[in-house]
PDB file of N, CA and C in Angstrom:
ATOM      1  N   MET A   1     -30.456  30.010 218.482  1.00  0.00           N
ATOM      2  CA  MET A   1     -32.065  29.805 218.995  1.00  0.00           C
ATOM      3  C   MET A   1     -32.661  30.331 217.525  1.00  0.00           C
ATOM      4  N   LYS A   2     -33.970  29.388 217.260  1.00  0.00           N
ATOM      5  CA  LYS A   2     -35.112  29.754 216.442  1.00  0.00           C
ATOM      6  C   LYS A   2     -35.900  30.134 216.358  1.00  0.00           C
ATOM      7  N   SER A   3     -36.887  31.428 215.821  1.00  0.00           N
ATOM      8  CA  SER A   3     -37.523  31.938 216.318  1.00  0.00           C
ATOM      9  C   SER A   3     -38.411  30.730 216.436  1.00  0.00           C
ATOM     10  N   LEU A   4     -40.137  31.497 216.819  1.00  0.00           N
ATOM     11  CA  LEU A   4     -40.982  30.893 216.718  1.00  0.00           C
ATOM     12  C   LEU A   4     -41.803  30.818 215.975  1.00  0.00           C
ATOM     13  N   PRO A   5     -41.877  31.496 214.708  1.00  0.00           N
ATOM     14  CA  PRO A   5     -42.430  30.976 213.137  1.00  0.00           C
ATOM     15  C   PRO A   5     -41.513  30.340 212.513  1.00  0.00           C
ATOM     16  N   THR A   6     -40.326  30.176 212.662  1.00  0.00           N
ATOM     17  CA  THR A   6     -39.584  28.729 212.175  1.00  0.00           C
ATOM     18  C   THR A   6     -39.859  27.660 212.504  1.00  0.00           C
ATOM     19  N   LEU A   7     -39.863  27.670 214.287  1.00  0.00           N
ATOM     20  CA  LEU A   7     -40.458  26.394 215.008  1.00  0.00           C
ATOM     21  C   LEU A   7     -41.718  25.535 214.341  1.00  0.00           C
ATOM     22  N   PHE A   8     -42.863  27.332 214.388  1.00  0.00           N
ATOM     23  CA  PHE A   8     -44.480  26.326 214.109  1.00  0.00           C
ATOM     24  C   PHE A   8     -43.916  25.633 212.547  1.00  0.00           C
ATOM     25  N   LEU A   9     -43.642  26.464 211.678  1.00  0.00           N
ATOM     26  CA  LEU A   9     -42.939  26.215 210.345  1.00  0.00           C
ATOM     27  C   LEU A   9     -43.050  25.317 210.333  1.00  0.00           C
ATOM     28  N   GLY A  10     -41.498  24.501 210.838  1.00  0.00           N
ATOM     29  CA  GLY A  10     -41.084  23.065 211.212  1.00  0.00           C
ATOM     30  C   GLY A  10     -42.077  21.702 211.299  1.00  0.00           C
ATOM     31  N   CYS A  11     -43.087  22.376 212.396  1.00  0.00           N
ATOM     32  CA  CYS A  11     -43.749  21.059 213.489  1.00  0.00           C
ATOM     33  C   CYS A  11     -45.165  21.139 212.337  1.00  0.00           C
ATOM     34  N   LEU A  12     -45.749  22.427 211.340  1.00  0.00           N
ATOM     35  CA  LEU A  12     -46.369  22.209 210.223  1.00  0.00           C
ATOM     36  C   LEU A  12     -46.384  21.523 209.726  1.00  0.00           C
ATOM     37  N   SER A  13     -45.092  21.293 208.782  1.00  0.00           N
ATOM     38  CA  SER A  13     -44.513  20.757 207.865  1.00  0.00           C
ATOM     39  C   SER A  13     -44.513  18.857 208.477  1.00  0.00           C
ATOM     40  N   LEU A  14     -44.453  18.597 209.423  1.00  0.00           N
ATOM     41  CA  LEU A  14     -44.178  17.338 210.281  1.00  0.00           C
ATOM     42  C   LEU A  14     -45.747  16.524 210.441  1.00  0.00           C
ATOM     43  N   SER A  15     -46.662  17.725 210.579  1.00  0.00           N
ATOM     44  CA  SER A  15     -48.079  17.388 211.007  1.00  0.00           C
ATOM     45  C   SER A  15     -48.854  17.460 209.815  1.00  0.00           C
ATOM     46  N   LEU A  16     -48.474  17.474 208.561  1.00  0.00           N
ATOM     47  CA  LEU A  16     -48.626  17.723 207.124  1.00  0.00           C
ATOM     48  C   LEU A  16     -48.444  15.924 206.639  1.00  0.00           C
ATOM     49  N   ALA A  17     -47.444  15.081 207.197  1.00  0.00           N
ATOM     50  CA  ALA A  17     -46.365  14.172 206.522  1.00  0.00           C
ATOM     51  C   ALA A  17     -47.245  13.132 207.570  1.00  0.00           C
ATOM     52  N   ASP A  18     -47.402  11.657 206.655  1.00  0.00           N
ATOM     53  CA  ASP A  18     -48.110  10.554 206.929  1.00  0.00           C
ATOM     54  C   ASP A  18     -46.561   9.577 207.298  1.00  0.00           C
ATOM     55  N   PRO A  19     -46.692   9.016 207.913  1.00  0.00           N
ATOM     56  CA  PRO A  19     -46.074   8.250 208.822  1.00  0.00           C
ATOM     57  C   PRO A  19     -46.317   6.779 207.492  1.00  0.00           C
ATOM     58  N   ILE A  20     -45.052   6.268 206.770  1.00  0.00           N
ATOM     59  CA  ILE A  20     -45.055   5.317 206.053  1.00  0.00           C
ATOM     60  C   ILE A  20     -43.495   4.588 206.210  1.00  0.00           C
ATOM     61  N   VAL A  21     -43.969   3.212 205.490  1.00  0.00           N
ATOM     62  CA  VAL A  21     -43.109   2.385 205.360  1.00  0.00           C
ATOM     63  C   VAL A  21     -42.721   2.065 204.053  1.00  0.00           C
ATOM     64  N   VAL A  22     -41.237   1.839 203.677  1.00  0.00           N
ATOM     65  CA  VAL A  22     -40.574   1.682 201.991  1.00  0.00           C
ATOM     66  C   VAL A  22     -39.897   0.845 201.880  1.00  0.00           C
ATOM     67  N   THR A  23     -40.538  -0.053 201.238  1.00  0.00           N
ATOM     68  CA  THR A  23     -39.575  -1.395 201.074  1.00  0.00           C
ATOM     69  C   THR A  23     -39.344  -1.550 199.446  1.00  0.00           C
ATOM     70  N   TYR A  24     -38.447  -2.402 199.019  1.00  0.00           N
ATOM     71  CA  TYR A  24     -37.658  -2.416 198.114  1.00  0.00           C
ATOM     72  C   TYR A  24     -37.536  -3.786 197.439  1.00  0.00           C
ATOM     73  N   PRO A  25     -37.584  -4.551 196.340  1.00  0.00           N
ATOM     74  CA  PRO A  25     -36.970  -6.004 196.553  1.00  0.00           C
ATOM     75  C   PRO A  25     -35.489  -5.422 196.873  1.00  0.00           C
ATOM     76  N   GLU A  26     -35.139  -7.356 197.243  1.00  0.00           N
ATOM     77  CA  GLU A  26     -33.755  -7.743 197.770  1.00  0.00           C
ATOM     78  C   GLU A  26     -32.777  -7.610 196.837  1.00  0.00           C
ATOM     79  N   ASP A  27     -32.348  -7.314 195.320  1.00  0.00           N
ATOM     80  CA  ASP A  27     -31.498  -7.627 194.458  1.00  0.00           C
ATOM     81  C   ASP A  27     -31.380  -5.509 194.308  1.00  0.00           C
ATOM     82  N   THR A  28     -32.529  -4.746 194.993  1.00  0.00           N
ATOM     83  CA  THR A  28     -31.927  -3.630 194.486  1.00  0.00           C
ATOM     84  C   THR A  28     -30.817  -2.924 195.437  1.00  0.00           C
ATOM     85  N   PRO A  29     -29.955  -1.916 194.360  1.00  0.00           N
ATOM     86  CA  PRO A  29     -28.964  -1.330 194.707  1.00  0.00           C
ATOM     87  C   PRO A  29     -29.243  -0.319 195.765  1.00  0.00           C
ATOM     88  N   PRO A  30     -28.317   0.106 196.827  1.00  0.00           N
ATOM     89  CA  PRO A  30     -28.498   1.053 197.840  1.00  0.00           C
ATOM     90  C   PRO A  30     -28.533   2.515 197.195  1.00  0.00           C
ATOM     91  N   SER A  31     -27.754   2.634 196.162  1.00  0.00           N
ATOM     92  CA  SER A  31     -28.195   3.843 195.474  1.00  0.00           C
ATOM     93  C   SER A  31     -29.385   4.519 195.616  1.00  0.00           C
ATOM     94  N   VAL A  32     -30.311   3.695 194.922  1.00  0.00           N
ATOM     95  CA  VAL A  32     -32.052   3.546 194.532  1.00  0.00           C
ATOM     96  C   VAL A  32     -32.776   3.778 196.007  1.00  0.00           C
ATOM     97  N   LEU A  33     -32.088   2.942 196.689  1.00  0.00           N
ATOM     98  CA  LEU A  33     -32.393   3.441 198.787  1.00  0.00           C
ATOM     99  C   LEU A  33     -32.502   5.213 198.872  1.00  0.00           C
ATOM    100  N   GLU A  34     -30.919   5.508 198.322  1.00  0.00           N
ATOM    101  CA  GLU A  34     -30.590   6.703 199.050  1.00  0.00           C
ATOM    102  C   GLU A  34     -31.406   7.618 198.338  1.00  0.00           C
ATOM    103  N   ASP A  35     -31.590   7.486 196.628  1.00  0.00           N
ATOM    104  CA  ASP A  35     -32.481   8.971 196.517  1.00  0.00           C
ATOM    105  C   ASP A  35     -33.500   8.896 196.910  1.00  0.00           C
ATOM    106  N   ALA A  36     -33.967   7.856 197.220  1.00  0.00           N
ATOM    107  CA  ALA A  36     -35.680   7.707 197.452  1.00  0.00           C
ATOM    108  C   ALA A  36     -36.116   8.248 199.061  1.00  0.00           C
ATOM    109  N   MET A  37     -34.476   8.320 199.680  1.00  0.00           N
ATOM    110  CA  MET A  37     -34.793   8.441 201.049  1.00  0.00           C
ATOM    111  C   MET A  37     -34.435  10.337 201.681  1.00  0.00           C
ATOM    112  N   LYS A  38     -33.325  10.481 200.218  1.00  0.00           N
ATOM    113  CA  LYS A  38     -33.586  11.770 199.951  1.00  0.00           C
ATOM    114  C   LYS A  38     -34.251  13.237 199.224  1.00  0.00           C
ATOM    115  N   SER A  39     -35.485  11.630 198.695  1.00  0.00           N
ATOM    116  CA  SER A  39     -36.786  12.622 197.955  1.00  0.00           C
ATOM    117  C   SER A  39     -37.357  13.285 199.029  1.00  0.00           C
ATOM    118  N   VAL A  40     -37.655  12.345 200.155  1.00  0.00           N
ATOM    119  CA  VAL A  40     -38.522  12.503 201.048  1.00  0.00           C
ATOM    120  C   VAL A  40     -38.523  13.822 202.119  1.00  0.00           C
ATOM    121  N   ILE A  41     -36.656  13.850 202.427  1.00  0.00           N
ATOM    122  CA  ILE A  41     -35.957  14.922 202.950  1.00  0.00           C
ATOM    123  C   ILE A  41     -36.280  16.273 202.194  1.00  0.00           C
ATOM    124  N   SER A  42     -35.801  16.041 201.273  1.00  0.00           N
ATOM    125  CA  SER A  42     -36.276  17.054 200.032  1.00  0.00           C
ATOM    126  C   SER A  42     -37.753  17.814 200.498  1.00  0.00           C
ATOM    127  N   GLU A  43     -38.155  17.190 200.457  1.00  0.00           N
ATOM    128  CA  GLU A  43     -39.532  17.488 200.518  1.00  0.00           C
ATOM    129  C   GLU A  43     -39.982  17.410 202.435  1.00  0.00           C
ATOM    130  N   GLY A  44     -39.290  18.032 202.920  1.00  0.00           N
ATOM    131  CA  GLY A  44     -40.267  18.362 204.150  1.00  0.00           C
ATOM    132  C   GLY A  44     -39.991  17.196 205.331  1.00  0.00           C
ATOM    133  N   GLY A  45     -39.826  15.783 204.680  1.00  0.00           N
ATOM    134  CA  GLY A  45     -40.106  14.600 205.138  1.00  0.00           C
ATOM    135  C   GLY A  45     -38.817  14.512 206.378  1.00  0.00           C
ATOM    136  N   LEU A  46     -38.914  13.116 206.975  1.00  0.00           N
ATOM    137  CA  LEU A  46     -37.833  12.700 207.741  1.00  0.00           C
ATOM    138  C   LEU A  46     -38.049  11.579 208.208  1.00  0.00           C
ATOM    139  N   ILE A  47     -36.876  10.636 207.524  1.00  0.00           N
ATOM    140  CA  ILE A  47     -36.544   9.588 208.085  1.00  0.00           C
ATOM    141  C   ILE A  47     -36.609   8.992 209.719  1.00  0.00           C
ATOM    142  N   THR A  48     -37.734   7.819 210.111  1.00  0.00           N
ATOM    143  CA  THR A  48     -37.518   7.426 210.902  1.00  0.00           C
ATOM    144  C   THR A  48     -36.809   6.179 211.241  1.00  0.00           C
ATOM    145  N   HIS A  49     -36.339   5.722 210.399  1.00  0.00           N
ATOM    146  CA  HIS A  49     -35.591   4.152 210.599  1.00  0.00           C
ATOM    147  C   HIS A  49     -35.055   4.347 209.499  1.00  0.00           C
ATOM    148  N   LYS A  50     -34.061   3.059 209.199  1.00  0.00           N
ATOM    149  CA  LYS A  50     -33.400   2.851 208.055  1.00  0.00           C
ATOM    150  C   LYS A  50     -33.335   0.836 208.400  1.00  0.00           C
ATOM    151  N   PHE A  51     -34.048   0.364 207.335  1.00  0.00           N
ATOM    152  CA  PHE A  51     -34.086  -1.147 208.414  1.00  0.00           C
ATOM    153  C   PHE A  51     -32.542  -2.010 207.566  1.00  0.00           C
ATOM    154  N   GLU A  52     -31.632  -2.828 208.819  1.00  0.00           N
ATOM    155  CA  GLU A  52     -30.617  -3.285 208.139  1.00  0.00           C
ATOM    156  C   GLU A  52     -30.813  -4.801 207.772  1.00  0.00           C
ATOM    157  N   LEU A  53     -32.313  -5.307 207.705  1.00  0.00           N
ATOM    158  CA  LEU A  53     -32.309  -6.753 207.409  1.00  0.00           C
ATOM    159  C   LEU A  53     -33.128  -6.679 206.020  1.00  0.00           C
ATOM    160  N   ILE A  54     -33.779  -6.031 206.013  1.00  0.00           N
ATOM    161  CA  ILE A  54     -34.194  -5.536 204.396  1.00  0.00           C
ATOM    162  C   ILE A  54     -34.187  -4.305 204.109  1.00  0.00           C
ATOM    163  N   ASN A  55     -34.658  -4.121 202.254  1.00  0.00           N
ATOM    164  CA  ASN A  55     -33.966  -3.206 201.497  1.00  0.00           C
ATOM    165  C   ASN A  55     -35.318  -2.166 202.188  1.00  0.00           C
ATOM    166  N   GLY A  56     -35.061  -1.063 202.783  1.00  0.00           N
ATOM    167  CA  GLY A  56     -36.355  -0.131 203.062  1.00  0.00           C
ATOM    168  C   GLY A  56     -35.963   0.957 204.488  1.00  0.00           C
ATOM    169  N   PHE A  57     -36.948   1.528 204.699  1.00  0.00           N
ATOM    170  CA  PHE A  57     -36.850   2.448 205.751  1.00  0.00           C
ATOM    171  C   PHE A  57     -38.250   3.086 206.143  1.00  0.00           C
ATOM    172  N   SER A  58     -38.575   4.051 207.019  1.00  0.00           N
ATOM    173  CA  SER A  58     -39.676   4.276 207.578  1.00  0.00           C
ATOM    174  C   SER A  58     -39.205   5.662 207.294  1.00  0.00           C
ATOM    175  N   ALA A  59     -40.576   6.513 207.175  1.00  0.00           N
ATOM    176  CA  ALA A  59     -40.272   7.423 207.212  1.00  0.00           C
ATOM    177  C   ALA A  59     -41.981   8.459 207.168  1.00  0.00           C
ATOM    178  N   ASP A  60     -41.628   9.806 208.068  1.00  0.00           N
ATOM    179  CA  ASP A  60     -42.886  10.699 208.332  1.00  0.00           C
ATOM    180  C   ASP A  60     -42.804  11.142 206.551  1.00  0.00           C
ATOM    181  N   ALA A  61     -43.000  11.276 205.827  1.00  0.00           N
ATOM    182  CA  ALA A  61     -43.550  11.763 204.122  1.00  0.00           C
ATOM    183  C   ALA A  61     -44.416  12.305 203.613  1.00  0.00           C
ATOM    184  N   SER A  62     -44.500  13.671 202.882  1.00  0.00           N
ATOM    185  CA  SER A  62     -45.329  13.974 202.490  1.00  0.00           C
ATOM    186  C   SER A  62     -46.533  13.031 201.367  1.00  0.00           C
ATOM    187  N   GLU A  63     -47.254  13.767 200.318  1.00  0.00           N
ATOM    188  CA  GLU A  63     -47.923  13.016 199.297  1.00  0.00           C
ATOM    189  C   GLU A  63     -47.075  13.284 198.284  1.00  0.00           C
ATOM    190  N   SER A  64     -46.544  13.988 198.495  1.00  0.00           N
ATOM    191  CA  SER A  64     -45.873  14.364 197.333  1.00  0.00           C
ATOM    192  C   SER A  64     -44.442  13.868 196.966  1.00  0.00           C
ATOM    193  N   ALA A  65     -43.761  13.332 198.600  1.00  0.00           N
ATOM    194  CA  ALA A  65     -42.667  12.636 198.293  1.00  0.00           C
ATOM    195  C   ALA A  65     -42.983  11.502 197.907  1.00  0.00           C
ATOM    196  N   VAL A  66     -44.228  10.714 198.555  1.00  0.00           N
ATOM    197  CA  VAL A  66     -45.025   9.547 198.044  1.00  0.00           C
ATOM    198  C   VAL A  66     -44.632   9.242 196.497  1.00  0.00           C
ATOM    199  N   ARG A  67     -45.456  10.470 196.336  1.00  0.00           N
ATOM    200  CA  ARG A  67     -45.246  10.244 194.621  1.00  0.00           C
ATOM    201  C   ARG A  67     -43.826   9.851 193.090  1.00  0.00           C
ATOM    202  N   GLN A  68     -43.375  11.083 194.500  1.00  0.00           N
ATOM    203  CA  GLN A  68     -41.972  11.060 193.646  1.00  0.00           C
ATOM    204  C   GLN A  68     -40.903   9.793 193.639  1.00  0.00           C
ATOM    205  N   ILE A  69     -41.632   9.182 195.052  1.00  0.00           N
ATOM    206  CA  ILE A  69     -40.100   7.562 195.278  1.00  0.00           C
ATOM    207  C   ILE A  69     -40.811   6.543 194.119  1.00  0.00           C
ATOM    208  N   SER A  70     -42.454   6.388 194.112  1.00  0.00           N
ATOM    209  CA  SER A  70     -43.028   5.899 193.287  1.00  0.00           C
ATOM    210  C   SER A  70     -42.989   5.948 192.011  1.00  0.00           C
ATOM    211  N   ALA A  71     -42.177   6.969 191.429  1.00  0.00           N
ATOM    212  CA  ALA A  71     -41.999   7.334 189.734  1.00  0.00           C
ATOM    213  C   ALA A  71     -40.319   7.489 189.913  1.00  0.00           C
ATOM    214  N   GLN A  72     -39.261   7.211 190.846  1.00  0.00           N
ATOM    215  CA  GLN A  72     -38.277   7.211 190.871  1.00  0.00           C
ATOM    216  C   GLN A  72     -37.460   5.850 189.283  1.00  0.00           C
ATOM    217  N   SER A  73     -37.957   4.989 190.346  1.00  0.00           N
ATOM    218  CA  SER A  73     -37.145   4.373 189.704  1.00  0.00           C
ATOM    219  C   SER A  73     -38.232   2.599 189.061  1.00  0.00           C
ATOM    220  N   ALA A  74     -37.720   2.147 187.693  1.00  0.00           N
ATOM    221  CA  ALA A  74     -38.918   1.655 187.292  1.00  0.00           C
ATOM    222  C   ALA A  74     -38.789  -0.089 187.256  1.00  0.00           C
ATOM    223  N   LYS A  75     -36.900   0.062 187.771  1.00  0.00           N
ATOM    224  CA  LYS A  75     -36.979  -1.598 187.611  1.00  0.00           C
ATOM    225  C   LYS A  75     -36.938  -2.308 189.185  1.00  0.00           C
ATOM    226  N   TYR A  76     -36.969  -1.353 189.648  1.00  0.00           N
ATOM    227  CA  TYR A  76     -37.097  -1.517 191.259  1.00  0.00           C
ATOM    228  C   TYR A  76     -38.135  -1.204 191.439  1.00  0.00           C
ATOM    229  N   ASN A  77     -39.487  -1.823 191.606  1.00  0.00           N
ATOM    230  CA  ASN A  77     -40.483  -0.858 192.423  1.00  0.00           C
ATOM    231  C   ASN A  77     -40.519  -1.283 193.733  1.00  0.00           C
ATOM    232  N   PRO A  78     -40.775   0.441 194.734  1.00  0.00           N
ATOM    233  CA  PRO A  78     -40.966   0.141 195.965  1.00  0.00           C
ATOM    234  C   PRO A  78     -42.331   0.062 196.195  1.00  0.00           C
ATOM    235  N   THR A  79     -42.408  -0.785 197.175  1.00  0.00           N
ATOM    236  CA  THR A  79     -43.870  -1.400 198.272  1.00  0.00           C
ATOM    237  C   THR A  79     -43.890   0.011 199.499  1.00  0.00           C
ATOM    238  N   ILE A  80     -44.867   0.622 199.225  1.00  0.00           N
ATOM    239  CA  ILE A  80     -45.439   1.965 200.370  1.00  0.00           C
ATOM    240  C   ILE A  80     -46.581   1.320 200.938  1.00  0.00           C
ATOM    241  N   GLU A  81     -46.303   1.325 201.967  1.00  0.00           N
ATOM    242  CA  GLU A  81     -47.879   1.393 203.099  1.00  0.00           C
ATOM    243  C   GLU A  81     -48.018   2.778 204.164  1.00  0.00           C
ATOM    244  N   LYS A  82     -48.610   2.603 204.386  1.00  0.00           N
ATOM    245  CA  LYS A  82     -48.855   3.218 205.946  1.00  0.00           C
ATOM    246  C   LYS A  82     -47.783   2.843 207.139  1.00  0.00           C
ATOM    247  N   ASP A  83     -47.512   3.754 207.958  1.00  0.00           N
ATOM    248  CA  ASP A  83     -46.690   3.285 209.100  1.00  0.00           C
ATOM    249  C   ASP A  83     -48.266   2.682 210.226  1.00  0.00           C
ATOM    250  N   ILE A  84     -48.232   1.729 210.246  1.00  0.00           N
ATOM    251  CA  ILE A  84     -49.497   1.759 211.498  1.00  0.00           C
ATOM    252  C   ILE A  84     -48.815   1.351 212.527  1.00  0.00           C
ATOM    253  N   SER A  85     -49.632   1.014 213.531  1.00  0.00           N
ATOM    254  CA  SER A  85     -48.939   0.502 214.828  1.00  0.00           C
ATOM    255  C   SER A  85     -50.095  -1.004 214.972  1.00  0.00           C
ATOM    256  N   VAL A  86     -49.368  -1.933 215.363  1.00  0.00           N
ATOM    257  CA  VAL A  86     -49.962  -3.623 215.818  1.00  0.00           C
ATOM    258  C   VAL A  86     -49.490  -3.956 217.002  1.00  0.00           C
ATOM    259  N   SER A  87     -50.655  -3.997 217.504  1.00  0.00           N
ATOM    260  CA  SER A  87     -50.787  -4.977 218.983  1.00  0.00           C
ATOM    261  C   SER A  87     -51.407  -6.762 219.436  1.00  0.00           C
ATOM    262  N   ILE A  88     -51.002  -7.072 220.148  1.00  0.00           N
ATOM    263  CA  ILE A  88     -51.373  -8.672 220.104  1.00  0.00           C
ATOM    264  C   ILE A  88     -51.692  -7.901 221.308  1.00  0.00           C
ATOM    265  N   GLN A  89     -52.933  -8.946 221.766  1.00  0.00           N
ATOM    266  CA  GLN A  89     -53.933  -9.199 222.984  1.00  0.00           C
ATOM    267  C   GLN A  89     -53.135 -10.264 223.825  1.00  0.00           C
TER     268      GLN A  89
END
C-alpha cells in the first residue's frame, strides 16, 4: 500500500503534465517512437494511447519531456500538439 505522501507526489507530477499528441512521418522506424515514449515515462509522464494506423501516441507529458522528444531525432521530426477535446453540435 502506498503512503499518503507517495500518492500525493504521484498526483502532483501528473497535474504538471499536459495532454499531448505526438505523430511522426510514415517512414519513421518503430525504435524512434519507442525512444520518445520512454522519454515521456522517464520524465514522469504517462502514455495514454499508442496509435495503430499512424505513427504516434498520446500522452500526459511535462514540458521537459516535450523538449526531449523534439530533440531526439533530426531525421524523423515529430509533430507535437496539445490534445484537446473536439465536439460537433
